C-alpha cells in the first residue's frame, strides 16, 4: 500500500502562483510514476501532468503546458506541481496519484490516490 498526502492548495488571484506537494509513504524503495489530476464541480476527473520515476519524462495536458511544471524529489518521497499564471478555469480539487507502470491520462489506471487539495482562482 502507498499513502499519498497533498498540500499547498488555496485561494489565489488570476495570474498568481501556487505549488502543490504530494508526499508518499508506505512502500519505501518502490519506484512509482506520479501524476496530478483535477476535478471541478460537475466535471470528470482530468489528467494534468505525470512524471516518471527518475524524473526524466514528463507529460502535460495541453491546457497547462507552459504554465505548470511537475517535478519530484525521491529522497523526500515528494512530487510537486508548480502552477503559474493561474486562471479561473484551473479551479478544482487537485489529486495526486501513483502507479508502478502507467503514466497516461486515464485515472482508472492509477492504483493509489491522495485525498485532494482545493485550488481556487478568482478572476
PDB file of N, CA and C in Angstrom:
ATOM      1  N   UNK A   1       0.819  -1.191   0.000  1.00  0.00           N
ATOM      2  CA  UNK A   1       0.000   0.000   0.000  1.00  0.00           C
ATOM      3  C   UNK A   1       0.862   1.254   0.000  1.00  0.00           C
ATOM      4  N   UNK A   2       0.379   2.271  -0.680  1.00  0.00           N
ATOM      5  CA  UNK A   2       1.033   3.571  -0.718  1.00  0.00           C
ATOM      6  C   UNK A   2       0.032   4.606  -0.240  1.00  0.00           C
ATOM      7  N   UNK A   3       0.462   5.452   0.667  1.00  0.00           N
ATOM      8  CA  UNK A   3      -0.386   6.548   1.126  1.00  0.00           C
ATOM      9  C   UNK A   3       0.149   7.849   0.537  1.00  0.00           C
ATOM     10  N   UNK A   4      -0.763   8.655   0.019  1.00  0.00           N
ATOM     11  CA  UNK A   4      -0.401   9.934  -0.608  1.00  0.00           C
ATOM     12  C   UNK A   4      -1.118  11.065   0.115  1.00  0.00           C
ATOM     13  N   UNK A   5      -0.374  12.116   0.434  1.00  0.00           N
ATOM     14  CA  UNK A   5      -0.961  13.268   1.118  1.00  0.00           C
ATOM     15  C   UNK A   5      -0.570  14.531   0.370  1.00  0.00           C
ATOM     16  N   UNK A   6      -1.587  15.257  -0.131  1.00  0.00           N
ATOM     17  CA  UNK A   6      -1.349  16.509  -0.847  1.00  0.00           C
ATOM     18  C   UNK A   6      -1.413  17.693   0.096  1.00  0.00           C
ATOM     19  N   UNK A   7      -0.739  18.754  -0.295  1.00  0.00           N
ATOM     20  CA  UNK A   7      -0.802  20.015   0.444  1.00  0.00           C
ATOM     21  C   UNK A   7      -0.470  21.153  -0.520  1.00  0.00           C
ATOM     22  N   UNK A   8      -0.748  22.374  -0.085  1.00  0.00           N
ATOM     23  CA  UNK A   8      -0.354  23.541  -0.871  1.00  0.00           C
ATOM     24  C   UNK A   8      -1.479  24.241  -1.606  1.00  0.00           C
ATOM     25  N   UNK A   9      -2.687  23.690  -1.544  1.00  0.00           N
ATOM     26  CA  UNK A   9      -3.794  24.350  -2.216  1.00  0.00           C
ATOM     27  C   UNK A   9      -4.190  25.635  -1.504  1.00  0.00           C
ATOM     28  N   UNK A  10      -5.086  26.391  -2.140  1.00  0.00           N
ATOM     29  CA  UNK A  10      -5.543  27.637  -1.538  1.00  0.00           C
ATOM     30  C   UNK A  10      -6.256  28.514  -2.531  1.00  0.00           C
ATOM     31  N   UNK A  11      -6.468  29.749  -2.120  1.00  0.00           N
ATOM     32  CA  UNK A  11      -7.149  30.751  -2.944  1.00  0.00           C
ATOM     33  C   UNK A  11      -6.108  31.717  -3.487  1.00  0.00           C
ATOM     34  N   UNK A  12      -6.155  31.952  -4.795  1.00  0.00           N
ATOM     35  CA  UNK A  12      -5.195  32.842  -5.431  1.00  0.00           C
ATOM     36  C   UNK A  12      -5.905  33.637  -6.512  1.00  0.00           C
ATOM     37  N   UNK A  13      -5.426  34.850  -6.763  1.00  0.00           N
ATOM     38  CA  UNK A  13      -5.995  35.647  -7.836  1.00  0.00           C
ATOM     39  C   UNK A  13      -5.469  35.179  -9.190  1.00  0.00           C
ATOM     40  N   UNK A  14      -6.239  35.438 -10.217  1.00  0.00           N
ATOM     41  CA  UNK A  14      -5.811  35.098 -11.584  1.00  0.00           C
ATOM     42  C   UNK A  14      -4.443  35.712 -11.866  1.00  0.00           C
ATOM     43  N   UNK A  15      -3.583  34.907 -12.475  1.00  0.00           N
ATOM     44  CA  UNK A  15      -2.219  35.330 -12.736  1.00  0.00           C
ATOM     45  C   UNK A  15      -1.234  34.958 -11.655  1.00  0.00           C
ATOM     46  N   UNK A  16      -1.735  34.498 -10.531  1.00  0.00           N
ATOM     47  CA  UNK A  16      -0.880  34.131  -9.420  1.00  0.00           C
ATOM     48  C   UNK A  16      -0.327  32.725  -9.545  1.00  0.00           C
ATOM     49  N   UNK A  17       0.382  32.305  -8.499  1.00  0.00           N
ATOM     50  CA  UNK A  17       1.058  31.015  -8.499  1.00  0.00           C
ATOM     51  C   UNK A  17       0.787  30.243  -7.209  1.00  0.00           C
ATOM     52  N   UNK A  18       0.836  28.935  -7.319  1.00  0.00           N
ATOM     53  CA  UNK A  18       0.782  28.029  -6.176  1.00  0.00           C
ATOM     54  C   UNK A  18       1.693  26.850  -6.467  1.00  0.00           C
ATOM     55  N   UNK A  19       2.219  26.239  -5.395  1.00  0.00           N
ATOM     56  CA  UNK A  19       2.960  24.999  -5.556  1.00  0.00           C
ATOM     57  C   UNK A  19       2.310  23.929  -4.696  1.00  0.00           C
ATOM     58  N   UNK A  20       1.863  22.878  -5.348  1.00  0.00           N
ATOM     59  CA  UNK A  20       1.286  21.736  -4.648  1.00  0.00           C
ATOM     60  C   UNK A  20       2.385  20.717  -4.360  1.00  0.00           C
ATOM     61  N   UNK A  21       2.233  20.038  -3.233  1.00  0.00           N
ATOM     62  CA  UNK A  21       3.150  18.961  -2.862  1.00  0.00           C
ATOM     63  C   UNK A  21       2.348  17.702  -2.592  1.00  0.00           C
ATOM     64  N   UNK A  22       2.973  16.575  -2.849  1.00  0.00           N
ATOM     65  CA  UNK A  22       2.361  15.274  -2.551  1.00  0.00           C
ATOM     66  C   UNK A  22       3.454  14.377  -1.991  1.00  0.00           C
ATOM     67  N   UNK A  23       3.280  13.968  -0.748  1.00  0.00           N
ATOM     68  CA  UNK A  23       4.260  13.119  -0.091  1.00  0.00           C
ATOM     69  C   UNK A  23       3.734  11.699   0.007  1.00  0.00           C
ATOM     70  N   UNK A  24       4.572  10.757  -0.378  1.00  0.00           N
ATOM     71  CA  UNK A  24       4.192   9.342  -0.380  1.00  0.00           C
ATOM     72  C   UNK A  24       4.834   8.611   0.787  1.00  0.00           C
ATOM     73  N   UNK A  25       4.111   7.627   1.305  1.00  0.00           N
ATOM     74  CA  UNK A  25       4.638   6.785   2.366  1.00  0.00           C
ATOM     75  C   UNK A  25       4.061   5.394   2.212  1.00  0.00           C
ATOM     76  N   UNK A  26       4.690   4.417   2.870  1.00  0.00           N
ATOM     77  CA  UNK A  26       4.129   3.081   2.915  1.00  0.00           C
ATOM     78  C   UNK A  26       4.908   2.047   2.142  1.00  0.00           C
ATOM     79  N   UNK A  27       5.589   2.416   1.073  1.00  0.00           N
ATOM     80  CA  UNK A  27       6.347   1.437   0.291  1.00  0.00           C
ATOM     81  C   UNK A  27       7.714   2.016  -0.072  1.00  0.00           C
ATOM     82  N   UNK A  28       8.574   2.283   0.934  1.00  0.00           N
ATOM     83  CA  UNK A  28       9.890   2.851   0.628  1.00  0.00           C
ATOM     84  C   UNK A  28      10.682   1.920  -0.269  1.00  0.00           C
ATOM     85  N   UNK A  29      11.404   2.502  -1.209  1.00  0.00           N
ATOM     86  CA  UNK A  29      12.212   1.723  -2.118  1.00  0.00           C
ATOM     87  C   UNK A  29      11.499   1.323  -3.383  1.00  0.00           C
ATOM     88  N   UNK A  30      10.200   1.440  -3.443  1.00  0.00           N
ATOM     89  CA  UNK A  30       9.475   1.107  -4.664  1.00  0.00           C
ATOM     90  C   UNK A  30       9.442   2.312  -5.590  1.00  0.00           C
ATOM     91  N   UNK A  31       9.525   2.058  -6.883  1.00  0.00           N
ATOM     92  CA  UNK A  31       9.517   3.140  -7.852  1.00  0.00           C
ATOM     93  C   UNK A  31       8.115   3.304  -8.403  1.00  0.00           C
ATOM     94  N   UNK A  32       7.630   4.516  -8.376  1.00  0.00           N
ATOM     95  CA  UNK A  32       6.282   4.810  -8.855  1.00  0.00           C
ATOM     96  C   UNK A  32       6.293   5.987  -9.817  1.00  0.00           C
ATOM     97  N   UNK A  33       5.496   5.868 -10.840  1.00  0.00           N
ATOM     98  CA  UNK A  33       5.139   7.002 -11.666  1.00  0.00           C
ATOM     99  C   UNK A  33       4.123   7.821 -10.882  1.00  0.00           C
ATOM    100  N   UNK A  34       4.289   9.135 -10.898  1.00  0.00           N
ATOM    101  CA  UNK A  34       3.398  10.008 -10.147  1.00  0.00           C
ATOM    102  C   UNK A  34       2.643  10.921 -11.093  1.00  0.00           C
ATOM    103  N   UNK A  35       1.389  11.160 -10.757  1.00  0.00           N
ATOM    104  CA  UNK A  35       0.580  12.027 -11.594  1.00  0.00           C
ATOM    105  C   UNK A  35      -0.251  13.000 -10.772  1.00  0.00           C
ATOM    106  N   UNK A  36      -0.664  14.071 -11.426  1.00  0.00           N
ATOM    107  CA  UNK A  36      -1.618  15.022 -10.854  1.00  0.00           C
ATOM    108  C   UNK A  36      -2.868  15.045 -11.739  1.00  0.00           C
ATOM    109  N   UNK A  37      -4.006  15.004 -11.082  1.00  0.00           N
ATOM    110  CA  UNK A  37      -5.300  15.115 -11.736  1.00  0.00           C
ATOM    111  C   UNK A  37      -6.067  16.245 -11.054  1.00  0.00           C
ATOM    112  N   UNK A  38      -7.144  16.665 -11.681  1.00  0.00           N
ATOM    113  CA  UNK A  38      -8.005  17.665 -11.045  1.00  0.00           C
ATOM    114  C   UNK A  38      -9.457  17.375 -11.411  1.00  0.00           C
ATOM    115  N   UNK A  39     -10.337  17.836 -10.520  1.00  0.00           N
ATOM    116  CA  UNK A  39     -11.760  17.638 -10.738  1.00  0.00           C
ATOM    117  C   UNK A  39     -12.512  18.867 -10.281  1.00  0.00           C
ATOM    118  N   UNK A  40     -13.185  19.505 -11.236  1.00  0.00           N
ATOM    119  CA  UNK A  40     -14.024  20.655 -10.939  1.00  0.00           C
ATOM    120  C   UNK A  40     -15.449  20.167 -10.682  1.00  0.00           C
ATOM    121  N   UNK A  41     -16.270  20.947  -9.966  1.00  0.00           N
ATOM    122  CA  UNK A  41     -17.649  20.533  -9.679  1.00  0.00           C
ATOM    123  C   UNK A  41     -18.420  20.211 -10.959  1.00  0.00           C
ATOM    124  N   UNK A  42     -19.069  19.048 -10.965  1.00  0.00           N
ATOM    125  CA  UNK A  42     -19.879  18.653 -12.092  1.00  0.00           C
ATOM    126  C   UNK A  42     -19.104  18.137 -13.290  1.00  0.00           C
ATOM    127  N   UNK A  43     -17.793  17.983 -13.137  1.00  0.00           N
ATOM    128  CA  UNK A  43     -16.978  17.525 -14.250  1.00  0.00           C
ATOM    129  C   UNK A  43     -16.219  16.257 -13.873  1.00  0.00           C
ATOM    130  N   UNK A  44     -15.765  15.545 -14.882  1.00  0.00           N
ATOM    131  CA  UNK A  44     -14.993  14.338 -14.643  1.00  0.00           C
ATOM    132  C   UNK A  44     -13.573  14.704 -14.210  1.00  0.00           C
ATOM    133  N   UNK A  45     -12.942  13.764 -13.530  1.00  0.00           N
ATOM    134  CA  UNK A  45     -11.553  13.947 -13.132  1.00  0.00           C
ATOM    135  C   UNK A  45     -10.690  13.938 -14.387  1.00  0.00           C
ATOM    136  N   UNK A  46      -9.812  14.923 -14.495  1.00  0.00           N
ATOM    137  CA  UNK A  46      -8.999  15.027 -15.699  1.00  0.00           C
ATOM    138  C   UNK A  46      -7.508  15.046 -15.369  1.00  0.00           C
ATOM    139  N   UNK A  47      -6.751  14.496 -16.275  1.00  0.00           N
ATOM    140  CA  UNK A  47      -5.304  14.441 -16.177  1.00  0.00           C
ATOM    141  C   UNK A  47      -4.707  15.830 -16.281  1.00  0.00           C
ATOM    142  N   UNK A  48      -3.705  16.101 -15.446  1.00  0.00           N
ATOM    143  CA  UNK A  48      -2.978  17.366 -15.512  1.00  0.00           C
ATOM    144  C   UNK A  48      -1.530  17.126 -15.946  1.00  0.00           C
ATOM    145  N   UNK A  49      -0.825  16.244 -15.237  1.00  0.00           N
ATOM    146  CA  UNK A  49       0.587  16.012 -15.535  1.00  0.00           C
ATOM    147  C   UNK A  49       1.029  14.700 -14.895  1.00  0.00           C
ATOM    148  N   UNK A  50       2.111  14.135 -15.424  1.00  0.00           N
ATOM    149  CA  UNK A  50       2.715  12.964 -14.799  1.00  0.00           C
ATOM    150  C   UNK A  50       4.228  13.022 -14.989  1.00  0.00           C
ATOM    151  N   UNK A  51       4.927  12.237 -14.158  1.00  0.00           N
ATOM    152  CA  UNK A  51       6.385  12.241 -14.182  1.00  0.00           C
ATOM    153  C   UNK A  51       6.894  10.840 -13.912  1.00  0.00           C
ATOM    154  N   UNK A  52       7.927  10.435 -14.648  1.00  0.00           N
ATOM    155  CA  UNK A  52       8.497   9.101 -14.478  1.00  0.00           C
ATOM    156  C   UNK A  52       9.263   9.021 -13.161  1.00  0.00           C
ATOM    157  N   UNK A  53       9.646   7.801 -12.805  1.00  0.00           N
ATOM    158  CA  UNK A  53      10.323   7.560 -11.534  1.00  0.00           C
ATOM    159  C   UNK A  53      11.591   8.401 -11.390  1.00  0.00           C
ATOM    160  N   UNK A  54      12.384   8.483 -12.428  1.00  0.00           N
ATOM    161  CA  UNK A  54      13.635   9.244 -12.328  1.00  0.00           C
ATOM    162  C   UNK A  54      13.465  10.710 -12.702  1.00  0.00           C
ATOM    163  N   UNK A  55      12.250  11.069 -13.103  1.00  0.00           N
ATOM    164  CA  UNK A  55      12.000  12.465 -13.434  1.00  0.00           C
ATOM    165  C   UNK A  55      12.417  12.866 -14.838  1.00  0.00           C
ATOM    166  N   UNK A  56      12.834  11.909 -15.630  1.00  0.00           N
ATOM    167  CA  UNK A  56      13.331  12.235 -16.970  1.00  0.00           C
ATOM    168  C   UNK A  56      12.208  12.520 -17.945  1.00  0.00           C
ATOM    169  N   UNK A  57      11.059  11.919 -17.720  1.00  0.00           N
ATOM    170  CA  UNK A  57       9.926  12.058 -18.635  1.00  0.00           C
ATOM    171  C   UNK A  57       8.760  12.720 -17.921  1.00  0.00           C
ATOM    172  N   UNK A  58       8.256  13.767 -18.538  1.00  0.00           N
ATOM    173  CA  UNK A  58       7.090  14.460 -18.007  1.00  0.00           C
ATOM    174  C   UNK A  58       6.049  14.624 -19.099  1.00  0.00           C
ATOM    175  N   UNK A  59       4.802  14.643 -18.706  1.00  0.00           N
ATOM    176  CA  UNK A  59       3.686  14.766 -19.640  1.00  0.00           C
ATOM    177  C   UNK A  59       2.687  15.772 -19.061  1.00  0.00           C
ATOM    178  N   UNK A  60       2.066  16.547 -19.951  1.00  0.00           N
ATOM    179  CA  UNK A  60       1.118  17.566 -19.523  1.00  0.00           C
ATOM    180  C   UNK A  60      -0.094  17.569 -20.436  1.00  0.00           C
ATOM    181  N   UNK A  61      -1.227  17.918 -19.865  1.00  0.00           N
ATOM    182  CA  UNK A  61      -2.370  18.193 -20.706  1.00  0.00           C
ATOM    183  C   UNK A  61      -2.145  19.541 -21.387  1.00  0.00           C
ATOM    184  N   UNK A  62      -2.725  19.720 -22.563  1.00  0.00           N
ATOM    185  CA  UNK A  62      -2.424  20.906 -23.373  1.00  0.00           C
ATOM    186  C   UNK A  62      -2.748  22.212 -22.648  1.00  0.00           C
ATOM    187  N   UNK A  63      -3.799  22.210 -21.857  1.00  0.00           N
ATOM    188  CA  UNK A  63      -4.257  23.459 -21.250  1.00  0.00           C
ATOM    189  C   UNK A  63      -3.303  24.017 -20.196  1.00  0.00           C
ATOM    190  N   UNK A  64      -2.349  23.214 -19.717  1.00  0.00           N
ATOM    191  CA  UNK A  64      -1.419  23.697 -18.691  1.00  0.00           C
ATOM    192  C   UNK A  64       0.006  23.797 -19.186  1.00  0.00           C
ATOM    193  N   UNK A  65       0.259  23.373 -20.397  1.00  0.00           N
ATOM    194  CA  UNK A  65       1.627  23.431 -20.928  1.00  0.00           C
ATOM    195  C   UNK A  65       2.137  24.869 -20.933  1.00  0.00           C
ATOM    196  N   UNK A  66       3.358  25.041 -20.440  1.00  0.00           N
ATOM    197  CA  UNK A  66       3.945  26.368 -20.374  1.00  0.00           C
ATOM    198  C   UNK A  66       3.590  27.129 -19.114  1.00  0.00           C
ATOM    199  N   UNK A  67       2.624  26.620 -18.347  1.00  0.00           N
ATOM    200  CA  UNK A  67       2.224  27.297 -17.100  1.00  0.00           C
ATOM    201  C   UNK A  67       2.521  26.434 -15.872  1.00  0.00           C
ATOM    202  N   UNK A  68       2.347  25.135 -15.981  1.00  0.00           N
ATOM    203  CA  UNK A  68       2.555  24.212 -14.866  1.00  0.00           C
ATOM    204  C   UNK A  68       3.836  23.407 -15.089  1.00  0.00           C
ATOM    205  N   UNK A  69       4.474  23.016 -13.995  1.00  0.00           N
ATOM    206  CA  UNK A  69       5.656  22.169 -14.066  1.00  0.00           C
ATOM    207  C   UNK A  69       5.606  21.121 -12.967  1.00  0.00           C
ATOM    208  N   UNK A  70       5.757  19.859 -13.360  1.00  0.00           N
ATOM    209  CA  UNK A  70       5.792  18.769 -12.393  1.00  0.00           C
ATOM    210  C   UNK A  70       7.244  18.386 -12.141  1.00  0.00           C
ATOM    211  N   UNK A  71       7.555  18.080 -10.895  1.00  0.00           N
ATOM    212  CA  UNK A  71       8.906  17.658 -10.537  1.00  0.00           C
ATOM    213  C   UNK A  71       8.815  16.720  -9.338  1.00  0.00           C
ATOM    214  N   UNK A  72       9.929  16.088  -9.000  1.00  0.00           N
ATOM    215  CA  UNK A  72       9.916  15.180  -7.854  1.00  0.00           C
ATOM    216  C   UNK A  72      11.260  15.174  -7.168  1.00  0.00           C
ATOM    217  N   UNK A  73      11.225  14.867  -5.881  1.00  0.00           N
ATOM    218  CA  UNK A  73      12.421  14.680  -5.074  1.00  0.00           C
ATOM    219  C   UNK A  73      12.286  13.316  -4.415  1.00  0.00           C
ATOM    220  N   UNK A  74      12.915  12.313  -4.974  1.00  0.00           N
ATOM    221  CA  UNK A  74      12.735  10.952  -4.474  1.00  0.00           C
ATOM    222  C   UNK A  74      13.333  10.768  -3.075  1.00  0.00           C
ATOM    223  N   UNK A  75      14.322  11.555  -2.738  1.00  0.00           N
ATOM    224  CA  UNK A  75      14.890  11.473  -1.389  1.00  0.00           C
ATOM    225  C   UNK A  75      13.861  11.876  -0.339  1.00  0.00           C
ATOM    226  N   UNK A  76      12.920  12.732  -0.726  1.00  0.00           N
ATOM    227  CA  UNK A  76      11.863  13.177   0.179  1.00  0.00           C
ATOM    228  C   UNK A  76      10.536  12.491  -0.105  1.00  0.00           C
ATOM    229  N   UNK A  77      10.523  11.568  -1.074  1.00  0.00           N
ATOM    230  CA  UNK A  77       9.281  10.885  -1.460  1.00  0.00           C
ATOM    231  C   UNK A  77       8.174  11.885  -1.789  1.00  0.00           C
ATOM    232  N   UNK A  78       8.538  12.955  -2.475  1.00  0.00           N
ATOM    233  CA  UNK A  78       7.597  14.033  -2.716  1.00  0.00           C
ATOM    234  C   UNK A  78       7.602  14.426  -4.194  1.00  0.00           C
ATOM    235  N   UNK A  79       6.408  14.679  -4.711  1.00  0.00           N
ATOM    236  CA  UNK A  79       6.239  15.205  -6.057  1.00  0.00           C
ATOM    237  C   UNK A  79       5.578  16.578  -5.939  1.00  0.00           C
ATOM    238  N   UNK A  80       5.952  17.465  -6.837  1.00  0.00           N
ATOM    239  CA  UNK A  80       5.464  18.837  -6.795  1.00  0.00           C
ATOM    240  C   UNK A  80       4.729  19.189  -8.091  1.00  0.00           C
ATOM    241  N   UNK A  81       3.835  20.152  -7.981  1.00  0.00           N
ATOM    242  CA  UNK A  81       3.212  20.754  -9.153  1.00  0.00           C
ATOM    243  C   UNK A  81       3.280  22.263  -8.972  1.00  0.00           C
ATOM    244  N   UNK A  82       4.188  22.898  -9.701  1.00  0.00           N
ATOM    245  CA  UNK A  82       4.291  24.339  -9.693  1.00  0.00           C
ATOM    246  C   UNK A  82       3.302  24.894 -10.705  1.00  0.00           C
ATOM    247  N   UNK A  83       2.402  25.733 -10.231  1.00  0.00           N
ATOM    248  CA  UNK A  83       1.352  26.270 -11.086  1.00  0.00           C
ATOM    249  C   UNK A  83       1.512  27.787 -11.174  1.00  0.00           C
ATOM    250  N   UNK A  84       1.783  28.274 -12.359  1.00  0.00           N
ATOM    251  CA  UNK A  84       1.955  29.700 -12.606  1.00  0.00           C
ATOM    252  C   UNK A  84       0.860  30.207 -13.536  1.00  0.00           C
ATOM    253  N   UNK A  85       0.700  31.515 -13.567  1.00  0.00           N
ATOM    254  CA  UNK A  85      -0.298  32.139 -14.450  1.00  0.00           C
ATOM    255  C   UNK A  85      -1.655  31.460 -14.318  1.00  0.00           C
ATOM    256  N   UNK A  86      -2.076  31.259 -13.094  1.00  0.00           N
ATOM    257  CA  UNK A  86      -3.334  30.544 -12.841  1.00  0.00           C
ATOM    258  C   UNK A  86      -4.526  31.296 -13.406  1.00  0.00           C
ATOM    259  N   UNK A  87      -5.487  30.529 -13.869  1.00  0.00           N
ATOM    260  CA  UNK A  87      -6.709  31.051 -14.460  1.00  0.00           C
ATOM    261  C   UNK A  87      -7.909  30.560 -13.663  1.00  0.00           C
ATOM    262  N   UNK A  88      -9.036  31.256 -13.748  1.00  0.00           N
ATOM    263  CA  UNK A  88     -10.240  30.775 -13.044  1.00  0.00           C
ATOM    264  C   UNK A  88     -10.610  29.351 -13.453  1.00  0.00           C
ATOM    265  N   UNK A  89     -10.364  28.983 -14.693  1.00  0.00           N
ATOM    266  CA  UNK A  89     -10.706  27.626 -15.141  1.00  0.00           C
ATOM    267  C   UNK A  89      -9.793  26.554 -14.566  1.00  0.00           C
ATOM    268  N   UNK A  90      -8.742  26.937 -13.856  1.00  0.00           N
ATOM    269  CA  UNK A  90      -7.904  25.973 -13.146  1.00  0.00           C
ATOM    270  C   UNK A  90      -8.497  25.587 -11.787  1.00  0.00           C
ATOM    271  N   UNK A  91      -9.556  26.256 -11.391  1.00  0.00           N
ATOM    272  CA  UNK A  91     -10.193  25.963 -10.112  1.00  0.00           C
ATOM    273  C   UNK A  91     -10.712  24.530 -10.083  1.00  0.00           C
ATOM    274  N   UNK A  92     -10.278  23.776  -9.079  1.00  0.00           N
ATOM    275  CA  UNK A  92     -10.654  22.362  -8.963  1.00  0.00           C
ATOM    276  C   UNK A  92     -10.033  21.797  -7.692  1.00  0.00           C
ATOM    277  N   UNK A  93     -10.453  20.582  -7.355  1.00  0.00           N
ATOM    278  CA  UNK A  93      -9.720  19.804  -6.370  1.00  0.00           C
ATOM    279  C   UNK A  93      -8.617  19.059  -7.124  1.00  0.00           C
ATOM    280  N   UNK A  94      -7.390  19.205  -6.651  1.00  0.00           N
ATOM    281  CA  UNK A  94      -6.246  18.575  -7.290  1.00  0.00           C
ATOM    282  C   UNK A  94      -5.846  17.326  -6.507  1.00  0.00           C
ATOM    283  N   UNK A  95      -5.682  16.230  -7.241  1.00  0.00           N
ATOM    284  CA  UNK A  95      -5.356  14.937  -6.649  1.00  0.00           C
ATOM    285  C   UNK A  95      -4.004  14.449  -7.140  1.00  0.00           C
ATOM    286  N   UNK A  96      -3.271  13.845  -6.233  1.00  0.00           N
ATOM    287  CA  UNK A  96      -2.032  13.164  -6.552  1.00  0.00           C
ATOM    288  C   UNK A  96      -2.342  11.677  -6.745  1.00  0.00           C
ATOM    289  N   UNK A  97      -1.668  11.050  -7.701  1.00  0.00           N
ATOM    290  CA  UNK A  97      -1.890   9.638  -7.972  1.00  0.00           C
ATOM    291  C   UNK A  97      -0.557   8.953  -8.237  1.00  0.00           C
ATOM    292  N   UNK A  98      -0.533   7.625  -8.027  1.00  0.00           N
ATOM    293  CA  UNK A  98       0.694   6.859  -8.233  1.00  0.00           C
ATOM    294  C   UNK A  98       0.379   5.522  -8.877  1.00  0.00           C
ATOM    295  N   UNK A  99       1.317   5.080  -9.719  1.00  0.00           N
ATOM    296  CA  UNK A  99       1.192   3.765 -10.325  1.00  0.00           C
ATOM    297  C   UNK A  99       2.576   3.243 -10.680  1.00  0.00           C
ATOM    298  N   UNK A 100       2.754   1.934 -10.631  1.00  0.00           N
ATOM    299  CA  UNK A 100       4.072   1.374 -10.928  1.00  0.00           C
ATOM    300  C   UNK A 100       4.430   1.485 -12.396  1.00  0.00           C
ATOM    301  N   UNK A 101       3.403   1.430 -13.294  1.00  0.00           N
ATOM    302  CA  UNK A 101       3.727   1.256 -14.712  1.00  0.00           C
ATOM    303  C   UNK A 101       3.073   2.277 -15.637  1.00  0.00           C
ATOM    304  N   UNK A 102       1.986   2.910 -15.218  1.00  0.00           N
ATOM    305  CA  UNK A 102       1.187   3.718 -16.128  1.00  0.00           C
ATOM    306  C   UNK A 102       1.413   5.194 -15.904  1.00  0.00           C
ATOM    307  N   UNK A 103       1.601   5.958 -16.989  1.00  0.00           N
ATOM    308  CA  UNK A 103       1.841   7.395 -16.886  1.00  0.00           C
ATOM    309  C   UNK A 103       0.846   8.203 -17.711  1.00  0.00           C
ATOM    310  N   UNK A 104      -0.219   7.552 -18.158  1.00  0.00           N
ATOM    311  CA  UNK A 104      -1.127   8.203 -19.073  1.00  0.00           C
ATOM    312  C   UNK A 104      -2.241   8.991 -18.419  1.00  0.00           C
ATOM    313  N   UNK A 105      -3.279   9.258 -19.196  1.00  0.00           N
ATOM    314  CA  UNK A 105      -4.330  10.190 -18.799  1.00  0.00           C
ATOM    315  C   UNK A 105      -5.554   9.547 -18.166  1.00  0.00           C
ATOM    316  N   UNK A 106      -5.658   8.229 -18.159  1.00  0.00           N
ATOM    317  CA  UNK A 106      -6.849   7.550 -17.641  1.00  0.00           C
ATOM    318  C   UNK A 106      -6.735   7.375 -16.130  1.00  0.00           C
ATOM    319  N   UNK A 107      -7.567   8.048 -15.345  1.00  0.00           N
ATOM    320  CA  UNK A 107      -7.449   7.954 -13.887  1.00  0.00           C
ATOM    321  C   UNK A 107      -7.706   6.546 -13.365  1.00  0.00           C
ATOM    322  N   UNK A 108      -8.478   5.753 -14.068  1.00  0.00           N
ATOM    323  CA  UNK A 108      -8.794   4.402 -13.614  1.00  0.00           C
ATOM    324  C   UNK A 108      -7.537   3.540 -13.526  1.00  0.00           C
ATOM    325  N   UNK A 109      -6.533   3.881 -14.294  1.00  0.00           N
ATOM    326  CA  UNK A 109      -5.320   3.053 -14.368  1.00  0.00           C
ATOM    327  C   UNK A 109      -4.354   3.307 -13.211  1.00  0.00           C
ATOM    328  N   UNK A 110      -4.565   4.346 -12.433  1.00  0.00           N
ATOM    329  CA  UNK A 110      -3.681   4.629 -11.310  1.00  0.00           C
ATOM    330  C   UNK A 110      -4.173   3.891 -10.067  1.00  0.00           C
ATOM    331  N   UNK A 111      -3.245   3.291  -9.345  1.00  0.00           N
ATOM    332  CA  UNK A 111      -3.612   2.448  -8.212  1.00  0.00           C
ATOM    333  C   UNK A 111      -3.844   3.217  -6.912  1.00  0.00           C
ATOM    334  N   UNK A 112      -3.124   4.302  -6.715  1.00  0.00           N
ATOM    335  CA  UNK A 112      -3.158   4.988  -5.422  1.00  0.00           C
ATOM    336  C   UNK A 112      -3.503   6.464  -5.615  1.00  0.00           C
ATOM    337  N   UNK A 113      -4.256   6.986  -4.642  1.00  0.00           N
ATOM    338  CA  UNK A 113      -4.742   8.364  -4.715  1.00  0.00           C
ATOM    339  C   UNK A 113      -4.629   9.043  -3.370  1.00  0.00           C
ATOM    340  N   UNK A 114      -4.381  10.356  -3.421  1.00  0.00           N
ATOM    341  CA  UNK A 114      -4.479  11.164  -2.221  1.00  0.00           C
ATOM    342  C   UNK A 114      -5.903  11.654  -2.023  1.00  0.00           C
ATOM    343  N   UNK A 115      -6.093  12.436  -0.970  1.00  0.00           N
ATOM    344  CA  UNK A 115      -7.427  12.905  -0.626  1.00  0.00           C
ATOM    345  C   UNK A 115      -7.815  14.178  -1.349  1.00  0.00           C
ATOM    346  N   UNK A 116      -6.854  14.838  -1.963  1.00  0.00           N
ATOM    347  CA  UNK A 116      -7.138  16.036  -2.747  1.00  0.00           C
ATOM    348  C   UNK A 116      -6.898  17.316  -1.977  1.00  0.00           C
ATOM    349  N   UNK A 117      -6.588  18.377  -2.718  1.00  0.00           N
ATOM    350  CA  UNK A 117      -6.418  19.704  -2.135  1.00  0.00           C
ATOM    351  C   UNK A 117      -7.093  20.711  -3.066  1.00  0.00           C
ATOM    352  N   UNK A 118      -7.825  21.646  -2.475  1.00  0.00           N
ATOM    353  CA  UNK A 118      -8.623  22.594  -3.255  1.00  0.00           C
ATOM    354  C   UNK A 118      -7.749  23.743  -3.755  1.00  0.00           C
ATOM    355  N   UNK A 119      -7.883  24.033  -5.032  1.00  0.00           N
ATOM    356  CA  UNK A 119      -7.257  25.216  -5.637  1.00  0.00           C
ATOM    357  C   UNK A 119      -8.366  26.078  -6.211  1.00  0.00           C
ATOM    358  N   UNK A 120      -8.419  27.326  -5.789  1.00  0.00           N
ATOM    359  CA  UNK A 120      -9.435  28.254  -6.266  1.00  0.00           C
ATOM    360  C   UNK A 120      -8.757  29.497  -6.812  1.00  0.00           C
ATOM    361  N   UNK A 121      -9.060  29.813  -8.054  1.00  0.00           N
ATOM    362  CA  UNK A 121      -8.501  31.009  -8.688  1.00  0.00           C
ATOM    363  C   UNK A 121      -9.622  32.002  -8.932  1.00  0.00           C
ATOM    364  N   UNK A 122      -9.490  33.167  -8.346  1.00  0.00           N
ATOM    365  CA  UNK A 122     -10.516  34.199  -8.512  1.00  0.00           C
ATOM    366  C   UNK A 122     -10.161  35.115  -9.679  1.00  0.00           C
ATOM    367  N   UNK A 123     -11.190  35.622 -10.342  1.00  0.00           N
ATOM    368  CA  UNK A 123     -10.962  36.495 -11.504  1.00  0.00           C
ATOM    369  C   UNK A 123     -10.803  37.946 -11.091  1.00  0.00           C
TER     370      UNK A 123
END
